[in-house]
Amino acid sequence: MNEQKLRMLINVGTVVATLVLVALIIGLIFQFVNRGILQSNQNKLQAELDNLNKQVEYYENQNNYISENIEDYARENYGYGKNGEKKYTYE
C-alpha cells in the first residue's frame, strides 16, 4: 500500500470510530433518561401499592369485625334488635 491509501484508510477508520463513539454516547444518554423516567414511574406505583395495601388492611379489619360481631354491627348501624327489645336513642 502506498502512503496515500494508508492515510485514507486511517482517516476513514477515524471517522467510523468517531461516529460509533458518538452513537454510543447518545445511546447512553437515552438510557439514563429512560432510567429516570422508569424510576419515577416505579416510585408512583409503589406509593399506589402502599395505599392499596392500607385499604386492603382496613377492609379486612372491617370484615373481621363484622364477621365476629354481626349482631353488634346490626344493632349499631341499622338499629336492629331482638323481639321485644326496647331501643333507646340519644338526641
N, C-alpha and C. Protein backbone atom coordinates (compact mmCIF):
# COMPACT_ATOMS: atom_id res chain seq x y z
N MET A 1 0.84 -1.18 0.00
CA MET A 1 0.00 0.00 0.00
C MET A 1 0.88 1.24 0.00
N ASN A 2 0.44 2.17 -0.74
CA ASN A 2 1.23 3.38 -0.73
C ASN A 2 0.74 4.29 0.39
N GLU A 3 1.44 5.38 0.59
CA GLU A 3 1.20 6.27 1.72
C GLU A 3 -0.17 6.95 1.62
N GLN A 4 -0.62 7.30 0.44
CA GLN A 4 -1.90 7.97 0.25
C GLN A 4 -3.07 7.05 0.63
N LYS A 5 -3.00 5.79 0.23
CA LYS A 5 -4.06 4.83 0.57
C LYS A 5 -4.08 4.58 2.07
N LEU A 6 -2.91 4.52 2.69
CA LEU A 6 -2.82 4.30 4.13
C LEU A 6 -3.43 5.46 4.90
N ARG A 7 -3.15 6.70 4.46
CA ARG A 7 -3.74 7.89 5.10
C ARG A 7 -5.26 7.87 4.95
N MET A 8 -5.73 7.53 3.76
CA MET A 8 -7.17 7.48 3.53
C MET A 8 -7.82 6.41 4.41
N LEU A 9 -7.19 5.27 4.55
CA LEU A 9 -7.70 4.20 5.40
C LEU A 9 -7.73 4.64 6.86
N ILE A 10 -6.72 5.33 7.31
CA ILE A 10 -6.67 5.84 8.69
C ILE A 10 -7.76 6.89 8.90
N ASN A 11 -7.95 7.78 7.93
CA ASN A 11 -8.99 8.81 8.04
C ASN A 11 -10.39 8.18 8.09
N VAL A 12 -10.63 7.20 7.22
CA VAL A 12 -11.92 6.52 7.22
C VAL A 12 -12.13 5.79 8.55
N GLY A 13 -11.12 5.13 9.04
CA GLY A 13 -11.20 4.43 10.32
C GLY A 13 -11.47 5.39 11.47
N THR A 14 -10.84 6.55 11.43
CA THR A 14 -11.05 7.57 12.46
C THR A 14 -12.49 8.09 12.43
N VAL A 15 -13.00 8.35 11.23
CA VAL A 15 -14.38 8.83 11.09
C VAL A 15 -15.36 7.77 11.59
N VAL A 16 -15.16 6.52 11.21
CA VAL A 16 -16.05 5.44 11.65
C VAL A 16 -15.99 5.29 13.16
N ALA A 17 -14.80 5.30 13.74
CA ALA A 17 -14.66 5.17 15.19
C ALA A 17 -15.34 6.34 15.91
N THR A 18 -15.20 7.55 15.36
CA THR A 18 -15.83 8.72 15.96
C THR A 18 -17.36 8.61 15.90
N LEU A 19 -17.88 8.17 14.76
CA LEU A 19 -19.33 8.00 14.64
C LEU A 19 -19.86 6.95 15.61
N VAL A 20 -19.13 5.85 15.74
CA VAL A 20 -19.55 4.80 16.67
C VAL A 20 -19.52 5.33 18.10
N LEU A 21 -18.49 6.09 18.46
CA LEU A 21 -18.39 6.65 19.80
C LEU A 21 -19.52 7.63 20.07
N VAL A 22 -19.84 8.49 19.11
CA VAL A 22 -20.94 9.45 19.27
C VAL A 22 -22.27 8.69 19.42
N ALA A 23 -22.48 7.66 18.63
CA ALA A 23 -23.71 6.87 18.72
C ALA A 23 -23.82 6.20 20.09
N LEU A 24 -22.72 5.68 20.60
CA LEU A 24 -22.73 5.06 21.92
C LEU A 24 -23.04 6.08 23.02
N ILE A 25 -22.47 7.27 22.91
CA ILE A 25 -22.73 8.31 23.90
C ILE A 25 -24.20 8.73 23.87
N ILE A 26 -24.76 8.91 22.67
CA ILE A 26 -26.17 9.26 22.55
C ILE A 26 -27.05 8.15 23.13
N GLY A 27 -26.72 6.91 22.83
CA GLY A 27 -27.47 5.78 23.39
C GLY A 27 -27.40 5.75 24.91
N LEU A 28 -26.24 6.06 25.47
CA LEU A 28 -26.06 6.09 26.92
C LEU A 28 -26.91 7.20 27.54
N ILE A 29 -26.96 8.36 26.89
CA ILE A 29 -27.77 9.47 27.39
C ILE A 29 -29.25 9.06 27.41
N PHE A 30 -29.72 8.43 26.34
CA PHE A 30 -31.12 7.99 26.30
C PHE A 30 -31.40 6.96 27.39
N GLN A 31 -30.45 6.10 27.67
CA GLN A 31 -30.63 5.10 28.73
C GLN A 31 -30.77 5.77 30.10
N PHE A 32 -29.96 6.79 30.35
CA PHE A 32 -30.07 7.50 31.63
C PHE A 32 -31.41 8.22 31.75
N VAL A 33 -31.88 8.81 30.66
CA VAL A 33 -33.18 9.48 30.68
C VAL A 33 -34.28 8.45 30.92
N ASN A 34 -34.22 7.33 30.22
CA ASN A 34 -35.22 6.26 30.42
C ASN A 34 -35.19 5.73 31.84
N ARG A 35 -34.00 5.59 32.39
CA ARG A 35 -33.87 5.09 33.75
C ARG A 35 -34.55 6.03 34.73
N GLY A 36 -34.37 7.33 34.54
CA GLY A 36 -35.02 8.31 35.40
C GLY A 36 -36.53 8.25 35.31
N ILE A 37 -37.04 8.11 34.09
CA ILE A 37 -38.49 8.02 33.89
C ILE A 37 -39.03 6.75 34.54
N LEU A 38 -38.33 5.63 34.34
CA LEU A 38 -38.77 4.37 34.92
C LEU A 38 -38.72 4.41 36.44
N GLN A 39 -37.70 5.06 37.00
CA GLN A 39 -37.60 5.17 38.46
C GLN A 39 -38.76 6.00 39.01
N SER A 40 -39.11 7.07 38.31
CA SER A 40 -40.23 7.91 38.72
C SER A 40 -41.53 7.11 38.67
N ASN A 41 -41.73 6.36 37.61
CA ASN A 41 -42.94 5.52 37.49
C ASN A 41 -42.97 4.46 38.60
N GLN A 42 -41.82 3.89 38.90
CA GLN A 42 -41.77 2.88 39.95
C GLN A 42 -42.13 3.49 41.30
N ASN A 43 -41.65 4.70 41.57
CA ASN A 43 -41.98 5.35 42.84
C ASN A 43 -43.48 5.64 42.94
N LYS A 44 -44.09 6.09 41.83
CA LYS A 44 -45.54 6.35 41.83
C LYS A 44 -46.30 5.05 42.07
N LEU A 45 -45.91 3.99 41.37
CA LEU A 45 -46.60 2.71 41.52
C LEU A 45 -46.42 2.14 42.93
N GLN A 46 -45.24 2.34 43.52
CA GLN A 46 -45.01 1.85 44.88
C GLN A 46 -45.90 2.60 45.87
N ALA A 47 -46.05 3.92 45.68
CA ALA A 47 -46.93 4.70 46.55
C ALA A 47 -48.38 4.24 46.40
N GLU A 48 -48.79 3.97 45.17
CA GLU A 48 -50.15 3.48 44.93
C GLU A 48 -50.35 2.10 45.55
N LEU A 49 -49.34 1.24 45.45
CA LEU A 49 -49.42 -0.10 46.05
C LEU A 49 -49.53 0.01 47.57
N ASP A 50 -48.75 0.90 48.17
CA ASP A 50 -48.83 1.09 49.62
C ASP A 50 -50.22 1.55 50.03
N ASN A 51 -50.79 2.48 49.26
CA ASN A 51 -52.14 2.96 49.54
C ASN A 51 -53.16 1.83 49.42
N LEU A 52 -53.03 1.03 48.38
CA LEU A 52 -53.96 -0.09 48.19
C LEU A 52 -53.81 -1.13 49.31
N ASN A 53 -52.58 -1.36 49.76
CA ASN A 53 -52.37 -2.30 50.86
C ASN A 53 -53.03 -1.80 52.14
N LYS A 54 -52.97 -0.47 52.37
CA LYS A 54 -53.65 0.10 53.54
C LYS A 54 -55.16 -0.09 53.43
N GLN A 55 -55.70 0.11 52.23
CA GLN A 55 -57.13 -0.08 52.03
C GLN A 55 -57.52 -1.55 52.25
N VAL A 56 -56.72 -2.46 51.74
CA VAL A 56 -56.99 -3.89 51.93
C VAL A 56 -56.99 -4.23 53.42
N GLU A 57 -56.01 -3.70 54.14
CA GLU A 57 -55.94 -3.97 55.58
C GLU A 57 -57.17 -3.41 56.30
N TYR A 58 -57.60 -2.19 55.92
CA TYR A 58 -58.78 -1.59 56.53
C TYR A 58 -60.01 -2.46 56.28
N TYR A 59 -60.22 -2.87 55.04
CA TYR A 59 -61.40 -3.67 54.71
C TYR A 59 -61.33 -5.07 55.32
N GLU A 60 -60.14 -5.62 55.44
CA GLU A 60 -60.02 -6.91 56.12
C GLU A 60 -60.39 -6.77 57.59
N ASN A 61 -59.94 -5.68 58.22
CA ASN A 61 -60.30 -5.45 59.62
C ASN A 61 -61.81 -5.25 59.77
N GLN A 62 -62.41 -4.50 58.85
CA GLN A 62 -63.86 -4.30 58.89
C GLN A 62 -64.58 -5.63 58.71
N ASN A 63 -64.13 -6.43 57.78
CA ASN A 63 -64.75 -7.74 57.52
C ASN A 63 -64.63 -8.64 58.75
N ASN A 64 -63.46 -8.64 59.37
CA ASN A 64 -63.27 -9.47 60.56
C ASN A 64 -64.20 -9.01 61.69
N TYR A 65 -64.33 -7.69 61.87
CA TYR A 65 -65.21 -7.17 62.92
C TYR A 65 -66.66 -7.56 62.66
N ILE A 66 -67.09 -7.36 61.42
CA ILE A 66 -68.49 -7.66 61.08
C ILE A 66 -68.74 -9.16 61.21
N SER A 67 -67.81 -9.97 60.75
CA SER A 67 -67.99 -11.43 60.81
C SER A 67 -68.07 -11.93 62.25
N GLU A 68 -67.26 -11.36 63.12
CA GLU A 68 -67.22 -11.83 64.50
C GLU A 68 -68.33 -11.23 65.35
N ASN A 69 -68.81 -10.05 64.99
CA ASN A 69 -69.79 -9.33 65.81
C ASN A 69 -70.97 -8.88 64.95
N ILE A 70 -71.56 -9.79 64.23
CA ILE A 70 -72.61 -9.42 63.28
C ILE A 70 -73.81 -8.82 64.01
N GLU A 71 -74.13 -9.35 65.17
CA GLU A 71 -75.29 -8.81 65.91
C GLU A 71 -74.99 -7.39 66.39
N ASP A 72 -73.81 -7.17 66.95
CA ASP A 72 -73.44 -5.82 67.41
C ASP A 72 -73.41 -4.84 66.23
N TYR A 73 -72.91 -5.29 65.12
CA TYR A 73 -72.85 -4.43 63.93
C TYR A 73 -74.25 -4.04 63.46
N ALA A 74 -75.15 -5.00 63.44
CA ALA A 74 -76.52 -4.73 63.01
C ALA A 74 -77.20 -3.77 63.98
N ARG A 75 -76.94 -3.91 65.27
CA ARG A 75 -77.53 -3.00 66.26
C ARG A 75 -76.97 -1.59 66.09
N GLU A 76 -75.67 -1.47 65.91
CA GLU A 76 -75.04 -0.15 65.83
C GLU A 76 -75.42 0.60 64.55
N ASN A 77 -75.43 -0.09 63.44
CA ASN A 77 -75.58 0.59 62.16
C ASN A 77 -77.00 0.59 61.61
N TYR A 78 -77.79 -0.39 61.98
CA TYR A 78 -79.13 -0.50 61.40
C TYR A 78 -80.24 -0.42 62.43
N GLY A 79 -79.89 -0.35 63.69
CA GLY A 79 -80.91 -0.25 64.74
C GLY A 79 -81.68 -1.54 64.97
N TYR A 80 -81.14 -2.66 64.52
CA TYR A 80 -81.83 -3.94 64.70
C TYR A 80 -81.73 -4.37 66.17
N GLY A 81 -82.68 -5.13 66.57
CA GLY A 81 -82.66 -5.69 67.92
C GLY A 81 -83.47 -6.96 67.96
N LYS A 82 -83.49 -7.58 69.11
CA LYS A 82 -84.27 -8.81 69.28
C LYS A 82 -85.73 -8.45 69.51
N ASN A 83 -86.62 -9.40 69.32
CA ASN A 83 -88.05 -9.17 69.53
C ASN A 83 -88.32 -8.77 70.97
N GLY A 84 -89.11 -7.72 71.13
CA GLY A 84 -89.47 -7.26 72.47
C GLY A 84 -88.42 -6.37 73.11
N GLU A 85 -87.34 -6.16 72.45
CA GLU A 85 -86.27 -5.34 73.00
C GLU A 85 -86.59 -3.86 72.74
N LYS A 86 -86.35 -3.02 73.73
CA LYS A 86 -86.62 -1.60 73.58
C LYS A 86 -85.36 -0.89 73.11
N LYS A 87 -85.55 0.03 72.20
CA LYS A 87 -84.42 0.76 71.63
C LYS A 87 -84.41 2.17 72.20
N TYR A 88 -83.28 2.57 72.71
CA TYR A 88 -83.13 3.91 73.25
C TYR A 88 -82.19 4.69 72.33
N THR A 89 -82.57 5.91 72.06
CA THR A 89 -81.70 6.77 71.22
C THR A 89 -81.39 8.04 72.00
N TYR A 90 -80.28 8.63 71.67
CA TYR A 90 -79.85 9.86 72.31
C TYR A 90 -79.94 10.98 71.29
N GLU A 91 -80.42 12.11 71.74
CA GLU A 91 -80.52 13.25 70.83
C GLU A 91 -79.65 14.38 71.31
